[in-house]
N, C-alpha and C. Protein backbone atom coordinates (compact mmCIF):
# COMPACT_ATOMS: atom_id res chain seq x y z
N MET A 1 1.00 -1.25 0.14
CA MET A 1 -0.28 0.02 -0.04
C MET A 1 1.09 1.54 0.06
N GLU A 2 0.88 2.20 -0.53
CA GLU A 2 1.43 3.51 -0.51
C GLU A 2 0.70 4.85 0.16
N THR A 3 2.00 5.52 0.53
CA THR A 3 1.26 5.76 1.74
C THR A 3 1.24 7.29 0.71
N ALA A 4 0.95 8.83 1.14
CA ALA A 4 0.50 10.33 0.95
C ALA A 4 2.20 10.23 0.50
N GLN A 5 2.98 10.70 1.23
CA GLN A 5 4.85 10.27 1.54
C GLN A 5 5.31 10.17 0.14
N THR A 6 4.91 8.70 0.26
CA THR A 6 5.26 9.08 -1.70
C THR A 6 4.04 8.64 -2.99
N SER A 7 3.20 9.51 -3.49
CA SER A 7 3.28 9.02 -4.47
C SER A 7 3.65 9.55 -5.00
N SER A 8 3.65 9.16 -6.40
CA SER A 8 3.93 10.04 -7.37
C SER A 8 3.03 11.24 -8.84
N VAL A 9 1.95 10.75 -7.55
CA VAL A 9 1.37 12.47 -7.82
C VAL A 9 1.32 13.40 -7.10
N ARG A 10 1.43 14.34 -7.30
CA ARG A 10 1.26 15.30 -7.00
C ARG A 10 0.42 16.06 -7.18
N VAL A 11 -0.73 17.96 -6.82
CA VAL A 11 -1.49 18.11 -6.52
C VAL A 11 -1.29 19.75 -6.68
N SER A 12 -0.88 20.85 -7.74
CA SER A 12 -0.51 22.11 -6.86
C SER A 12 -1.24 23.30 -7.73
N VAL A 13 -1.07 23.43 -6.52
CA VAL A 13 -2.45 25.14 -7.38
C VAL A 13 -1.58 26.77 -7.82
N ARG A 14 -1.47 27.86 -8.26
CA ARG A 14 -1.09 28.55 -7.93
C ARG A 14 -2.32 30.04 -7.98
N LEU A 15 -2.59 30.67 -8.28
CA LEU A 15 -3.60 31.49 -7.93
C LEU A 15 -2.98 32.41 -8.89
N ARG A 16 -4.04 32.98 -9.64
CA ARG A 16 -3.44 33.60 -11.12
C ARG A 16 -3.62 35.16 -10.59
N PRO A 17 -2.76 36.01 -10.64
CA PRO A 17 -2.93 37.33 -10.59
C PRO A 17 -4.00 38.32 -11.29
N PRO A 18 -4.96 39.08 -10.57
CA PRO A 18 -5.73 39.60 -12.16
C PRO A 18 -5.57 40.20 -13.73
N THR A 19 -6.29 40.16 -13.90
CA THR A 19 -5.94 41.36 -14.96
C THR A 19 -6.00 41.67 -14.84
N THR A 20 -6.15 43.07 -15.79
CA THR A 20 -6.39 44.27 -16.16
C THR A 20 -7.66 44.75 -15.81
N TYR A 21 -8.01 44.10 -16.96
CA TYR A 21 -9.98 44.21 -17.15
C TYR A 21 -10.68 43.54 -16.09
N SER A 22 -10.47 42.72 -14.91
CA SER A 22 -11.16 43.14 -13.29
C SER A 22 -10.77 44.15 -12.50
N ASP A 23 -9.45 44.56 -12.50
CA ASP A 23 -9.06 45.14 -12.10
C ASP A 23 -10.13 46.64 -12.24
N CYS A 24 -10.26 47.38 -14.02
CA CYS A 24 -10.95 48.10 -13.58
C CYS A 24 -12.11 48.23 -13.29
N LYS A 25 -12.75 47.02 -13.63
CA LYS A 25 -14.29 46.59 -13.70
C LYS A 25 -14.22 46.72 -11.35
N GLY A 26 -13.54 46.56 -10.70
CA GLY A 26 -13.41 47.22 -9.48
C GLY A 26 -13.90 45.30 -8.86
N ARG A 27 -14.04 44.36 -9.34
CA ARG A 27 -14.35 42.63 -8.14
C ARG A 27 -12.89 42.79 -7.88
N THR A 28 -13.55 41.55 -6.52
CA THR A 28 -13.07 41.76 -5.30
C THR A 28 -12.35 39.78 -6.11
N ASN A 29 -11.60 39.55 -5.18
CA ASN A 29 -11.38 38.13 -5.19
C ASN A 29 -12.00 36.43 -4.40
N VAL A 30 -12.63 35.68 -4.71
CA VAL A 30 -13.62 35.42 -4.07
C VAL A 30 -12.83 34.34 -3.64
N VAL A 31 -11.81 34.95 -4.15
CA VAL A 31 -11.06 33.11 -4.23
C VAL A 31 -9.55 33.53 -2.65
N GLN A 32 -9.60 32.32 -1.95
CA GLN A 32 -8.43 33.45 -0.46
C GLN A 32 -7.34 31.98 -1.00
N VAL A 33 -6.35 32.34 -0.45
CA VAL A 33 -5.08 31.39 -0.44
C VAL A 33 -4.90 30.61 1.33
N HIS A 34 -4.56 29.62 1.56
CA HIS A 34 -4.03 29.52 3.30
C HIS A 34 -2.90 28.09 3.21
N LYS A 35 -2.06 29.34 2.34
CA LYS A 35 -0.98 28.25 2.80
C LYS A 35 -0.25 27.18 3.67
N GLY A 36 -0.13 28.00 4.54
CA GLY A 36 0.13 27.40 6.25
C GLY A 36 -1.04 25.75 6.06
N VAL A 37 -1.81 25.56 5.03
CA VAL A 37 -2.95 24.73 5.21
C VAL A 37 -3.26 23.64 4.45
N LYS A 38 -2.03 24.33 3.28
CA LYS A 38 -2.67 24.32 1.61
C LYS A 38 -3.57 23.73 1.54
N SER A 39 -4.40 24.97 0.93
CA SER A 39 -5.81 25.24 1.08
C SER A 39 -5.91 26.51 0.56
N ILE A 40 -7.58 25.44 -0.32
CA ILE A 40 -8.09 27.75 -1.08
C ILE A 40 -9.76 27.38 -0.06
N THR A 41 -10.14 28.37 -0.67
CA THR A 41 -11.49 28.42 -0.46
C THR A 41 -12.43 29.12 -1.53
N ILE A 42 -13.00 28.25 -1.87
CA ILE A 42 -13.67 29.99 -3.06
C ILE A 42 -14.80 29.59 -2.87
N GLY A 43 -15.42 31.48 -3.04
CA GLY A 43 -16.11 31.71 -2.51
C GLY A 43 -16.99 33.02 -1.38
N ALA A 44 -17.68 34.60 -1.75
CA ALA A 44 -18.28 34.71 -1.31
C ALA A 44 -17.56 34.60 0.58
N GLN A 45 -17.31 35.67 0.58
CA GLN A 45 -17.17 35.87 2.37
C GLN A 45 -18.00 36.75 3.32
N SER A 46 -18.42 38.08 2.42
CA SER A 46 -19.87 38.17 2.99
C SER A 46 -21.36 38.50 2.20
N SER A 47 -21.22 37.23 1.81
CA SER A 47 -22.58 36.54 0.91
C SER A 47 -22.94 35.67 1.67
N SER A 48 -24.39 36.32 2.48
CA SER A 48 -24.39 35.20 3.41
C SER A 48 -25.53 33.45 2.14
N SER A 49 -25.51 34.50 1.29
CA SER A 49 -26.74 33.35 -0.44
C SER A 49 -25.64 32.52 -0.98
N SER A 50 -23.83 32.49 -0.53
CA SER A 50 -22.87 31.77 -0.91
C SER A 50 -22.65 30.95 -0.42
N ALA A 51 -22.56 29.86 0.02
CA ALA A 51 -21.18 28.90 0.54
C ALA A 51 -20.04 28.64 -0.33
N ALA A 52 -19.21 28.53 1.15
CA ALA A 52 -17.74 29.04 0.48
C ALA A 52 -17.15 27.22 0.52
N HIS A 53 -16.76 27.40 -0.78
CA HIS A 53 -16.24 25.54 -0.53
C HIS A 53 -14.10 25.06 -0.41
N GLN A 54 -14.03 24.88 0.54
CA GLN A 54 -11.98 24.97 0.16
C GLN A 54 -11.64 23.35 0.17
N PHE A 55 -10.63 23.11 -0.31
CA PHE A 55 -10.28 22.78 -1.32
C PHE A 55 -8.26 22.52 -0.66
N THR A 56 -8.32 20.78 -0.53
CA THR A 56 -7.51 20.87 0.12
C THR A 56 -5.41 20.32 -1.47
N TYR A 57 -4.48 21.33 -1.29
CA TYR A 57 -3.50 20.60 -2.41
C TYR A 57 -2.20 19.85 -1.53
N ASP A 58 -1.30 19.68 -2.55
CA ASP A 58 -0.67 19.18 -1.67
C ASP A 58 0.49 20.45 -2.19
N GLU A 59 0.47 21.68 -2.98
CA GLU A 59 1.21 22.33 -2.76
C GLU A 59 -0.10 24.18 -2.99
N VAL A 60 0.05 24.76 -2.54
CA VAL A 60 -0.79 26.42 -2.96
C VAL A 60 0.00 27.39 -2.92
N TYR A 61 -0.21 28.39 -4.62
CA TYR A 61 0.15 29.52 -4.31
C TYR A 61 -0.96 30.37 -4.96
N ASP A 62 -0.05 31.80 -3.54
CA ASP A 62 -0.79 32.96 -4.10
C ASP A 62 -0.33 33.82 -5.67
N ALA A 63 -1.51 34.79 -5.60
CA ALA A 63 -0.81 35.66 -6.88
C ALA A 63 0.34 36.35 -6.88
N ARG A 64 1.00 36.58 -5.64
CA ARG A 64 2.28 37.80 -5.45
C ARG A 64 3.76 36.17 -5.45
N ALA A 65 3.17 35.16 -6.22
CA ALA A 65 3.83 33.72 -5.81
C ALA A 65 5.47 33.63 -6.82
N THR A 66 6.58 33.55 -7.06
CA THR A 66 7.21 33.83 -7.93
C THR A 66 7.85 32.69 -8.59
N GLN A 67 8.18 32.84 -10.07
CA GLN A 67 8.27 31.55 -10.78
C GLN A 67 9.32 30.48 -10.07
N ASN A 68 10.52 30.72 -9.55
CA ASN A 68 11.55 30.65 -8.34
C ASN A 68 10.64 30.32 -7.06
N GLU A 69 9.61 30.36 -7.24
CA GLU A 69 9.01 29.46 -5.92
C GLU A 69 8.33 28.44 -6.43
N ILE A 70 7.25 28.29 -7.20
CA ILE A 70 7.01 27.80 -7.80
C ILE A 70 7.83 26.50 -8.76
N TYR A 71 8.78 26.81 -8.90
CA TYR A 71 9.85 25.59 -9.23
C TYR A 71 10.73 24.68 -8.55
N TRP A 72 11.00 25.72 -7.22
CA TRP A 72 11.40 24.86 -6.39
C TRP A 72 9.98 23.96 -5.72
N GLY A 73 9.44 24.67 -5.76
CA GLY A 73 8.35 24.17 -4.61
C GLY A 73 7.60 22.94 -5.54
N VAL A 74 7.84 22.65 -7.00
CA VAL A 74 6.52 21.91 -7.48
C VAL A 74 7.26 20.97 -8.61
N GLY A 75 8.38 22.28 -9.61
CA GLY A 75 9.23 21.12 -10.35
C GLY A 75 10.80 20.93 -9.38
N ALA A 76 11.83 21.13 -9.20
CA ALA A 76 12.51 20.78 -9.16
C ALA A 76 12.84 19.01 -8.70
N GLY A 77 11.70 18.32 -7.47
CA GLY A 77 11.77 17.86 -7.07
C GLY A 77 11.51 16.69 -8.26
N MET A 78 10.81 16.31 -9.44
CA MET A 78 10.55 15.55 -10.57
C MET A 78 11.63 15.91 -11.46
N LEU A 79 12.64 16.94 -10.91
CA LEU A 79 13.60 16.62 -11.94
C LEU A 79 15.19 15.73 -11.79
């Protein structure tokens, strides 16, 4: 039986930076990145009509993550 630590499949998520279009429209981001627990939450924080959904991954990166950080966190181990 394989454990999660020896699995060859890992799933990582990177939240993309907002586009100029979404910045101009004054939209708020409904995705929160929780690096400490390696999860993201999708759903409006202030809206009671929308339930939030949380997803956990092997690695999560917010919109400020650098290419170097992504490489060392995701790519280097595969090489």
